[in-house]
Amino acid sequence: MLSDVTVIIPAFNEEQAIKLVLDALPKVGQVIVVNNDSTDTTAVVAASQGATVVDEPRRGYGSACLRGLAAVRDGIDAGKPPPRVVVFLDADYSDYPELLPDLVNPIFRGEADFVLGSRLQGCREPGAMPLQSVWGNRLACALMRVLFRARYTDLGPFRAMDYSALCRLGMSDRSFGWTIEMQIRAVRAGLRILEIPVPYRRRVGYSKISGTAWGSIRAGAKILYTIAKHGWPFSRSPSPSHPDGAAP
C-alpha cells in the first residue's frame, strides 16, 4: 500500500536534518522535498538520498506545500498514476517518519479521509515544543471547537489525507496558516477525521518560528487571522475520533 503514498516535505535550510528524515521514512511511492529558497545544501542532500527535489523561491510553509502538490499534479499530467494518500511532515526531524504507516493505514482501510498526528496527545521530548507553542495550539483548537465545532487537539505538521479529498479542499494559504486552513476546510467538507497520538522530539537546528519571539508572534497572528477569515459556526460537522474510532 505504501507504494500509493506520496510524501511532501517542505524544507528551508535543513541540511543537517533532511538526511535523517529521509533515512527514517519507510519506502513509499514518491518523496517530494520542496526546497523553499534554502541558502545551504538542503536540495543537494535530499537529491542524494533519492528524493524528488522541486524549488519554491517564495518562502512560506504554505507556498512550499502548494508547490509540492503542483509537482504531484505535474506527474499525473505526465502519465503517472495519482497517489491514494499524500503525507506532509517537517524536514527538521522533530516528527517520527517511521510512524507513517500508522497515519496512512486508517485511510487505506476506509476508516478516515484525514489523519492528523497529535503531538499534544503523544509523548513530547522536553523542550520539543516551547510553552508558547503548546498554548498557541490549545487556543487555536479551542477557537475551532467554538466556531466550527471541530474537535482537534493540535495543529501538528505530521498528517495524511486521501489525495482526492485533498484536491477538493481548495487549499490556498501560503504561510503559517496552512495547517489550520486544512483542518477547517476538512471539517467544512465533511471529511472523516481521525487524530492519533504521535511522539515529538527536539528538532535538529534552530526553529524559524517558535524559536524566536517574532516568529511566534507572526505565526500566532496568522493562525488567528485564518480562523477569523473562515467565519462563524455553521451546521454540525464531523469531529476527530480517538485512535479506536470512538468520538472524543
C-alpha atoms as a PDB file:
ATOM      1  CA  MET A   1       0.000   0.000   0.000  1.00  0.00           C
ATOM      2  CA  LEU A   2       2.831   2.402   0.706  1.00  0.00           C
ATOM      3  CA  SER A   3       3.611   2.477  -2.996  1.00  0.00           C
ATOM      4  CA  ASP A   4       0.405   4.535  -3.319  1.00  0.00           C
ATOM      5  CA  VAL A   5       1.708   7.164  -0.872  1.00  0.00           C
ATOM      6  CA  THR A   6       3.395  10.434  -1.796  1.00  0.00           C
ATOM      7  CA  VAL A   7       5.260  12.328   0.935  1.00  0.00           C
ATOM      8  CA  ILE A   8       5.717  16.102   0.705  1.00  0.00           C
ATOM      9  CA  ILE A   9       8.434  17.661   2.869  1.00  0.00           C
ATOM     10  CA  PRO A  10       8.787  21.474   2.891  1.00  0.00           C
ATOM     11  CA  ALA A  11      12.410  22.342   3.630  1.00  0.00           C
ATOM     12  CA  PHE A  12      14.158  25.628   4.342  1.00  0.00           C
ATOM     13  CA  ASN A  13      17.826  25.354   5.336  1.00  0.00           C
ATOM     14  CA  GLU A  14      17.590  21.834   6.768  1.00  0.00           C
ATOM     15  CA  GLU A  15      20.851  20.332   5.501  1.00  0.00           C
ATOM     16  CA  GLN A  16      21.608  18.882   8.942  1.00  0.00           C
ATOM     17  CA  ALA A  17      18.253  17.161   9.354  1.00  0.00           C
ATOM     18  CA  ILE A  18      16.911  16.185   5.944  1.00  0.00           C
ATOM     19  CA  LYS A  19      19.088  13.074   5.595  1.00  0.00           C
ATOM     20  CA  LEU A  20      17.866  11.807   8.974  1.00  0.00           C
ATOM     21  CA  VAL A  21      14.265  12.355   7.894  1.00  0.00           C
ATOM     22  CA  LEU A  22      14.695  10.569   4.569  1.00  0.00           C
ATOM     23  CA  ASP A  23      16.623   7.680   6.126  1.00  0.00           C
ATOM     24  CA  ALA A  24      13.810   7.133   8.645  1.00  0.00           C
ATOM     25  CA  LEU A  25      10.989   7.187   6.087  1.00  0.00           C
ATOM     26  CA  PRO A  26       9.556   3.824   5.031  1.00  0.00           C
ATOM     27  CA  LYS A  27       9.766   3.154   1.301  1.00  0.00           C
ATOM     28  CA  VAL A  28       6.848   4.933  -0.373  1.00  0.00           C
ATOM     29  CA  GLY A  29       5.791   5.691  -3.930  1.00  0.00           C
ATOM     30  CA  GLN A  30       7.393   9.126  -4.057  1.00  0.00           C
ATOM     31  CA  VAL A  31       9.089  11.591  -1.742  1.00  0.00           C
ATOM     32  CA  ILE A  32       8.990  15.249  -2.793  1.00  0.00           C
ATOM     33  CA  VAL A  33      11.289  17.629  -0.947  1.00  0.00           C
ATOM     34  CA  VAL A  34      10.362  21.238  -1.632  1.00  0.00           C
ATOM     35  CA  ASN A  35      13.460  23.400  -1.426  1.00  0.00           C
ATOM     36  CA  ASN A  36      11.942  26.616  -0.090  1.00  0.00           C
ATOM     37  CA  ASP A  37      14.672  29.097  -1.094  1.00  0.00           C
ATOM     38  CA  SER A  38      17.317  27.420   1.046  1.00  0.00           C
ATOM     39  CA  THR A  39      20.757  29.002   1.186  1.00  0.00           C
ATOM     40  CA  ASP A  40      22.512  25.798   2.261  1.00  0.00           C
ATOM     41  CA  THR A  41      22.882  22.319   0.706  1.00  0.00           C
ATOM     42  CA  THR A  42      19.404  21.041   1.624  1.00  0.00           C
ATOM     43  CA  ALA A  43      18.492  20.355  -2.017  1.00  0.00           C
ATOM     44  CA  VAL A  44      21.766  18.561  -2.749  1.00  0.00           C
ATOM     45  CA  VAL A  45      21.461  16.307   0.305  1.00  0.00           C
ATOM     46  CA  ALA A  46      17.812  15.471  -0.456  1.00  0.00           C
ATOM     47  CA  ALA A  47      18.577  14.613  -4.070  1.00  0.00           C
ATOM     48  CA  SER A  48      21.487  12.380  -2.998  1.00  0.00           C
ATOM     49  CA  GLN A  49      19.012  10.418  -0.867  1.00  0.00           C
ATOM     50  CA  GLY A  50      16.772   9.729  -3.858  1.00  0.00           C
ATOM     51  CA  ALA A  51      14.074  12.317  -3.185  1.00  0.00           C
ATOM     52  CA  THR A  52      12.449  14.320  -5.949  1.00  0.00           C
ATOM     53  CA  VAL A  53      13.532  17.908  -5.287  1.00  0.00           C
ATOM     54  CA  VAL A  54      11.494  20.859  -6.545  1.00  0.00           C
ATOM     55  CA  ASP A  55      12.213  24.517  -5.913  1.00  0.00           C
ATOM     56  CA  GLU A  56       9.839  27.104  -4.471  1.00  0.00           C
ATOM     57  CA  PRO A  57      11.549  30.505  -4.321  1.00  0.00           C
ATOM     58  CA  ARG A  58       8.670  32.181  -2.493  1.00  0.00           C
ATOM     59  CA  ARG A  59       9.278  31.494   1.184  1.00  0.00           C
ATOM     60  CA  GLY A  60       6.430  30.248   3.313  1.00  0.00           C
ATOM     61  CA  TYR A  61       5.252  26.890   4.637  1.00  0.00           C
ATOM     62  CA  GLY A  62       2.052  27.028   2.611  1.00  0.00           C
ATOM     63  CA  SER A  63       3.935  28.077  -0.527  1.00  0.00           C
ATOM     64  CA  ALA A  64       6.162  25.019  -0.195  1.00  0.00           C
ATOM     65  CA  CYS A  65       3.219  22.680   0.362  1.00  0.00           C
ATOM     66  CA  LEU A  66       1.368  24.096  -2.641  1.00  0.00           C
ATOM     67  CA  ARG A  67       4.471  23.647  -4.782  1.00  0.00           C
ATOM     68  CA  GLY A  68       4.675  20.033  -3.648  1.00  0.00           C
ATOM     69  CA  LEU A  69       1.075  19.453  -4.675  1.00  0.00           C
ATOM     70  CA  ALA A  70       1.774  21.121  -8.017  1.00  0.00           C
ATOM     71  CA  ALA A  71       4.617  18.627  -8.525  1.00  0.00           C
ATOM     72  CA  VAL A  72       2.166  15.789  -7.856  1.00  0.00           C
ATOM     73  CA  ARG A  73      -0.194  17.184 -10.494  1.00  0.00           C
ATOM     74  CA  ASP A  74       2.682  17.600 -12.942  1.00  0.00           C
ATOM     75  CA  GLY A  75       3.489  13.921 -12.518  1.00  0.00           C
ATOM     76  CA  ILE A  76      -0.111  12.930 -13.136  1.00  0.00           C
ATOM     77  CA  ASP A  77      -0.214  15.103 -16.263  1.00  0.00           C
ATOM     78  CA  ALA A  78       2.915  13.302 -17.437  1.00  0.00           C
ATOM     79  CA  GLY A  79       1.199   9.933 -17.103  1.00  0.00           C
ATOM     80  CA  LYS A  80       1.949   8.829 -13.544  1.00  0.00           C
ATOM     81  CA  PRO A  81      -0.936   7.336 -11.548  1.00  0.00           C
ATOM     82  CA  PRO A  82      -2.264   9.639  -8.821  1.00  0.00           C
ATOM     83  CA  PRO A  83      -1.334   8.735  -5.251  1.00  0.00           C
ATOM     84  CA  ARG A  84      -4.007   7.375  -2.974  1.00  0.00           C
ATOM     85  CA  VAL A  85      -2.629   9.249   0.046  1.00  0.00           C
ATOM     86  CA  VAL A  86      -0.486  12.347   0.491  1.00  0.00           C
ATOM     87  CA  VAL A  87       1.524  12.764   3.694  1.00  0.00           C
ATOM     88  CA  PHE A  88       3.043  16.006   4.964  1.00  0.00           C
ATOM     89  CA  LEU A  89       5.819  16.145   7.535  1.00  0.00           C
ATOM     90  CA  ASP A  90       8.530  18.556   8.582  1.00  0.00           C
ATOM     91  CA  ALA A  91      12.150  18.440   7.430  1.00  0.00           C
ATOM     92  CA  ASP A  92      13.660  19.165  10.856  1.00  0.00           C
ATOM     93  CA  TYR A  93      13.482  15.596  12.239  1.00  0.00           C
ATOM     94  CA  SER A  94      11.084  16.568  15.018  1.00  0.00           C
ATOM     95  CA  ASP A  95       8.483  14.116  13.669  1.00  0.00           C
ATOM     96  CA  TYR A  96       8.997  10.350  13.587  1.00  0.00           C
ATOM     97  CA  PRO A  97       8.830   9.428   9.883  1.00  0.00           C
ATOM     98  CA  GLU A  98       8.910   5.707  10.652  1.00  0.00           C
ATOM     99  CA  LEU A  99       5.370   6.065  12.066  1.00  0.00           C
ATOM    100  CA  LEU A 100       3.979   6.954   8.627  1.00  0.00           C
ATOM    101  CA  PRO A 101       2.103   3.610   8.335  1.00  0.00           C
ATOM    102  CA  ASP A 102       0.127   4.493  11.481  1.00  0.00           C
ATOM    103  CA  LEU A 103      -1.204   7.607   9.737  1.00  0.00           C
ATOM    104  CA  VAL A 104      -1.968   6.138   6.318  1.00  0.00           C
ATOM    105  CA  ASN A 105      -3.419   2.752   7.304  1.00  0.00           C
ATOM    106  CA  PRO A 106      -6.795   4.137   8.523  1.00  0.00           C
ATOM    107  CA  ILE A 107      -7.199   5.799   5.115  1.00  0.00           C
ATOM    108  CA  PHE A 108      -6.385   2.612   3.227  1.00  0.00           C
ATOM    109  CA  ARG A 109      -8.818   0.707   5.462  1.00  0.00           C
ATOM    110  CA  GLY A 110     -11.568   3.169   4.574  1.00  0.00           C
ATOM    111  CA  GLU A 111     -11.913   4.430   8.147  1.00  0.00           C
ATOM    112  CA  ALA A 112     -10.812   8.040   7.608  1.00  0.00           C
ATOM    113  CA  ASP A 113     -10.082  10.617   4.933  1.00  0.00           C
ATOM    114  CA  PHE A 114      -7.770  12.773   7.047  1.00  0.00           C
ATOM    115  CA  VAL A 115      -5.446  11.534   9.799  1.00  0.00           C
ATOM    116  CA  LEU A 116      -3.666  14.066  11.992  1.00  0.00           C
ATOM    117  CA  GLY A 117      -0.770  13.245  14.282  1.00  0.00           C
ATOM    118  CA  SER A 118      -1.412  14.963  17.621  1.00  0.00           C
ATOM    119  CA  ARG A 119       1.738  15.950  19.487  1.00  0.00           C
ATOM    120  CA  LEU A 120      -0.278  17.137  22.461  1.00  0.00           C
ATOM    121  CA  GLN A 121      -1.802  13.680  22.894  1.00  0.00           C
ATOM    122  CA  GLY A 122       1.546  11.954  22.397  1.00  0.00           C
ATOM    123  CA  CYS A 123       4.842  11.945  24.279  1.00  0.00           C
ATOM    124  CA  ARG A 124       6.942  15.062  23.790  1.00  0.00           C
ATOM    125  CA  GLU A 125      10.646  15.275  24.476  1.00  0.00           C
ATOM    126  CA  PRO A 126      11.383  18.074  26.977  1.00  0.00           C
ATOM    127  CA  GLY A 127      11.925  21.287  25.067  1.00  0.00           C
ATOM    128  CA  ALA A 128      10.442  19.959  21.827  1.00  0.00           C
ATOM    129  CA  MET A 129       7.510  22.378  21.998  1.00  0.00           C
ATOM    130  CA  PRO A 130       8.062  25.723  23.754  1.00  0.00           C
ATOM    131  CA  LEU A 131       5.320  26.799  26.125  1.00  0.00           C
ATOM    132  CA  GLN A 132       4.063  29.432  23.684  1.00  0.00           C
ATOM    133  CA  SER A 133       3.653  26.708  21.067  1.00  0.00           C
ATOM    134  CA  VAL A 134       1.660  24.451  23.393  1.00  0.00           C
ATOM    135  CA  TRP A 135      -0.683  27.225  24.495  1.00  0.00           C
ATOM    136  CA  GLY A 136      -0.985  28.608  20.968  1.00  0.00           C
ATOM    137  CA  ASN A 137      -2.078  25.225  19.676  1.00  0.00           C
ATOM    138  CA  ARG A 138      -4.561  24.804  22.507  1.00  0.00           C
ATOM    139  CA  LEU A 139      -6.032  28.248  21.890  1.00  0.00           C
ATOM    140  CA  ALA A 140      -6.391  27.621  18.164  1.00  0.00           C
ATOM    141  CA  CYS A 141      -8.088  24.271  18.759  1.00  0.00           C
ATOM    142  CA  ALA A 142     -10.424  25.802  21.357  1.00  0.00           C
ATOM    143  CA  LEU A 143     -11.444  28.511  18.895  1.00  0.00           C
ATOM    144  CA  MET A 144     -12.071  25.945  16.162  1.00  0.00           C
ATOM    145  CA  ARG A 145     -14.230  23.990  18.558  1.00  0.00           C
ATOM    146  CA  VAL A 146     -16.329  27.067  19.406  1.00  0.00           C
ATOM    147  CA  LEU A 147     -16.594  28.454  15.891  1.00  0.00           C
ATOM    148  CA  PHE A 148     -16.646  25.301  13.765  1.00  0.00           C
ATOM    149  CA  ARG A 149     -17.471  22.512  16.250  1.00  0.00           C
ATOM    150  CA  ALA A 150     -14.193  20.902  15.237  1.00  0.00           C
ATOM    151  CA  ARG A 151     -12.703  18.779  17.986  1.00  0.00           C
ATOM    152  CA  TYR A 152      -8.993  18.879  17.293  1.00  0.00           C
ATOM    153  CA  THR A 153      -6.236  18.827  19.908  1.00  0.00           C
ATOM    154  CA  ASP A 154      -3.283  20.001  17.791  1.00  0.00           C
ATOM    155  CA  LEU A 155      -2.127  21.657  14.569  1.00  0.00           C
ATOM    156  CA  GLY A 156       0.584  19.049  14.096  1.00  0.00           C
ATOM    157  CA  PRO A 157       2.566  19.040  10.839  1.00  0.00           C
ATOM    158  CA  PHE A 158       2.621  15.219  10.504  1.00  0.00           C
ATOM    159  CA  ARG A 159      -0.613  14.460   8.667  1.00  0.00           C
ATOM    160  CA  ALA A 160      -2.052  12.261   5.929  1.00  0.00           C
ATOM    161  CA  MET A 161      -5.017  12.793   3.626  1.00  0.00           C
ATOM    162  CA  ASP A 162      -6.775  10.944   0.857  1.00  0.00           C
ATOM    163  CA  TYR A 163      -5.487  12.655  -2.281  1.00  0.00           C
ATOM    164  CA  SER A 164      -8.870  13.053  -3.963  1.00  0.00           C
ATOM    165  CA  ALA A 165     -10.274  14.614  -0.778  1.00  0.00           C
ATOM    166  CA  LEU A 166      -7.274  16.937  -0.552  1.00  0.00           C
ATOM    167  CA  CYS A 167      -7.855  18.137  -4.112  1.00  0.00           C
ATOM    168  CA  ARG A 168     -11.416  19.133  -3.178  1.00  0.00           C
ATOM    169  CA  LEU A 169     -10.326  21.365  -0.296  1.00  0.00           C
ATOM    170  CA  GLY A 170      -9.028  24.217  -2.452  1.00  0.00           C
ATOM    171  CA  MET A 171      -6.023  24.944  -0.241  1.00  0.00           C
ATOM    172  CA  SER A 172      -4.590  28.419  -0.748  1.00  0.00           C
ATOM    173  CA  ASP A 173      -2.703  29.730   2.308  1.00  0.00           C
ATOM    174  CA  ARG A 174       0.971  30.393   1.594  1.00  0.00           C
ATOM    175  CA  SER A 175       2.357  30.854   5.091  1.00  0.00           C
ATOM    176  CA  PHE A 176       1.749  29.842   8.706  1.00  0.00           C
ATOM    177  CA  GLY A 177      -1.999  29.393   8.203  1.00  0.00           C
ATOM    178  CA  TRP A 178      -1.645  26.303   6.002  1.00  0.00           C
ATOM    179  CA  THR A 179      -2.168  23.672   8.711  1.00  0.00           C
ATOM    180  CA  ILE A 180      -5.190  25.300  10.316  1.00  0.00           C
ATOM    181  CA  GLU A 181      -6.730  26.125   6.932  1.00  0.00           C
ATOM    182  CA  MET A 182      -6.542  22.435   6.057  1.00  0.00           C
ATOM    183  CA  GLN A 183      -8.203  21.454   9.335  1.00  0.00           C
ATOM    184  CA  ILE A 184     -11.038  23.964   8.956  1.00  0.00           C
ATOM    185  CA  ARG A 185     -11.629  23.050   5.319  1.00  0.00           C
ATOM    186  CA  ALA A 186     -11.601  19.341   6.187  1.00  0.00           C
ATOM    187  CA  VAL A 187     -14.397  19.885   8.706  1.00  0.00           C
ATOM    188  CA  ARG A 188     -16.407  22.018   6.308  1.00  0.00           C
ATOM    189  CA  ALA A 189     -16.006  19.384   3.576  1.00  0.00           C
ATOM    190  CA  GLY A 190     -17.420  16.721   5.887  1.00  0.00           C
ATOM    191  CA  LEU A 191     -14.291  14.569   5.779  1.00  0.00           C
ATOM    192  CA  ARG A 192     -13.916  11.681   8.178  1.00  0.00           C
ATOM    193  CA  ILE A 193     -11.231  12.929  10.544  1.00  0.00           C
ATOM    194  CA  LEU A 194      -9.066  10.909  12.895  1.00  0.00           C
ATOM    195  CA  GLU A 195      -6.447  12.093  15.377  1.00  0.00           C
ATOM    196  CA  ILE A 196      -3.790   9.722  16.659  1.00  0.00           C
ATOM    197  CA  PRO A 197      -1.140  10.451  19.308  1.00  0.00           C
ATOM    198  CA  VAL A 198       2.390  10.821  17.931  1.00  0.00           C
ATOM    199  CA  PRO A 199       5.691  11.436  19.739  1.00  0.00           C
ATOM    200  CA  TYR A 200       7.624  14.620  19.108  1.00  0.00           C
ATOM    201  CA  ARG A 201      11.285  15.430  19.707  1.00  0.00           C
ATOM    202  CA  ARG A 202      13.511  18.468  19.717  1.00  0.00           C
ATOM    203  CA  ARG A 203      14.265  19.491  16.178  1.00  0.00           C
ATOM    204  CA  VAL A 204      17.707  19.435  14.611  1.00  0.00           C
ATOM    205  CA  GLY A 205      18.983  23.002  14.229  1.00  0.00           C
ATOM    206  CA  TYR A 206      17.049  26.102  15.229  1.00  0.00           C
ATOM    207  CA  SER A 207      13.355  26.830  14.729  1.00  0.00           C
ATOM    208  CA  LYS A 208      12.467  29.621  12.331  1.00  0.00           C
ATOM    209  CA  ILE A 209       9.058  30.064  14.001  1.00  0.00           C
ATOM    210  CA  SER A 210       8.722  29.033  17.652  1.00  0.00           C
ATOM    211  CA  GLY A 211      12.436  29.514  18.257  1.00  0.00           C
ATOM    212  CA  THR A 212      12.120  33.299  18.042  1.00  0.00           C
ATOM    213  CA  ALA A 213       9.712  35.732  19.665  1.00  0.00           C
ATOM    214  CA  TRP A 214       8.992  37.481  16.366  1.00  0.00           C
ATOM    215  CA  GLY A 215       8.387  34.171  14.600  1.00  0.00           C
ATOM    216  CA  SER A 216       5.943  33.066  17.300  1.00  0.00           C
ATOM    217  CA  ILE A 217       4.056  36.362  17.110  1.00  0.00           C
ATOM    218  CA  ARG A 218       3.794  36.217  13.321  1.00  0.00           C
ATOM    219  CA  ALA A 219       2.636  32.593  13.343  1.00  0.00           C
ATOM    220  CA  GLY A 220       0.091  33.222  16.098  1.00  0.00           C
ATOM    221  CA  ALA A 221      -1.325  36.285  14.370  1.00  0.00           C
ATOM    222  CA  LYS A 222      -1.675  34.426  11.066  1.00  0.00           C
ATOM    223  CA  ILE A 223      -3.389  31.470  12.704  1.00  0.00           C
ATOM    224  CA  LEU A 224      -5.904  33.734  14.461  1.00  0.00           C
ATOM    225  CA  TYR A 225      -6.489  35.626  11.209  1.00  0.00           C
ATOM    226  CA  THR A 226      -7.127  32.359   9.349  1.00  0.00           C
ATOM    227  CA  ILE A 227      -9.669  31.235  11.942  1.00  0.00           C
ATOM    228  CA  ALA A 228     -11.492  34.571  11.716  1.00  0.00           C
ATOM    229  CA  LYS A 229     -11.409  34.575   7.908  1.00  0.00           C
ATOM    230  CA  HIS A 230     -13.184  31.255   7.683  1.00  0.00           C
ATOM    231  CA  GLY A 231     -16.174  32.555   9.575  1.00  0.00           C
ATOM    232  CA  TRP A 232     -18.578  31.666  12.296  1.00  0.00           C
ATOM    233  CA  PRO A 233     -20.352  28.431  13.299  1.00  0.00           C
ATOM    234  CA  PHE A 234     -22.356  26.510  10.768  1.00  0.00           C
ATOM    235  CA  SER A 235     -24.132  23.154  10.863  1.00  0.00           C
ATOM    236  CA  ARG A 236     -22.578  20.447  12.998  1.00  0.00           C
ATOM    237  CA  SER A 237     -19.674  18.719  11.258  1.00  0.00           C
ATOM    238  CA  PRO A 238     -17.699  15.523  11.864  1.00  0.00           C
ATOM    239  CA  SER A 239     -15.182  15.610  14.699  1.00  0.00           C
ATOM    240  CA  PRO A 240     -11.838  13.876  15.012  1.00  0.00           C
ATOM    241  CA  SER A 241     -12.005  10.464  16.612  1.00  0.00           C
ATOM    242  CA  HIS A 242      -9.801   8.749  19.114  1.00  0.00           C
ATOM    243  CA  PRO A 243      -7.464   6.036  17.730  1.00  0.00           C
ATOM    244  CA  ASP A 244     -10.076   3.387  18.495  1.00  0.00           C
ATOM    245  CA  GLY A 245     -12.640   5.194  16.343  1.00  0.00           C
ATOM    246  CA  ALA A 246     -14.839   6.465  19.161  1.00  0.00           C
ATOM    247  CA  ALA A 247     -15.770  10.141  19.239  1.00  0.00           C
ATOM    248  CA  PRO A 248     -13.874  12.018  21.954  1.00  0.00           C
END
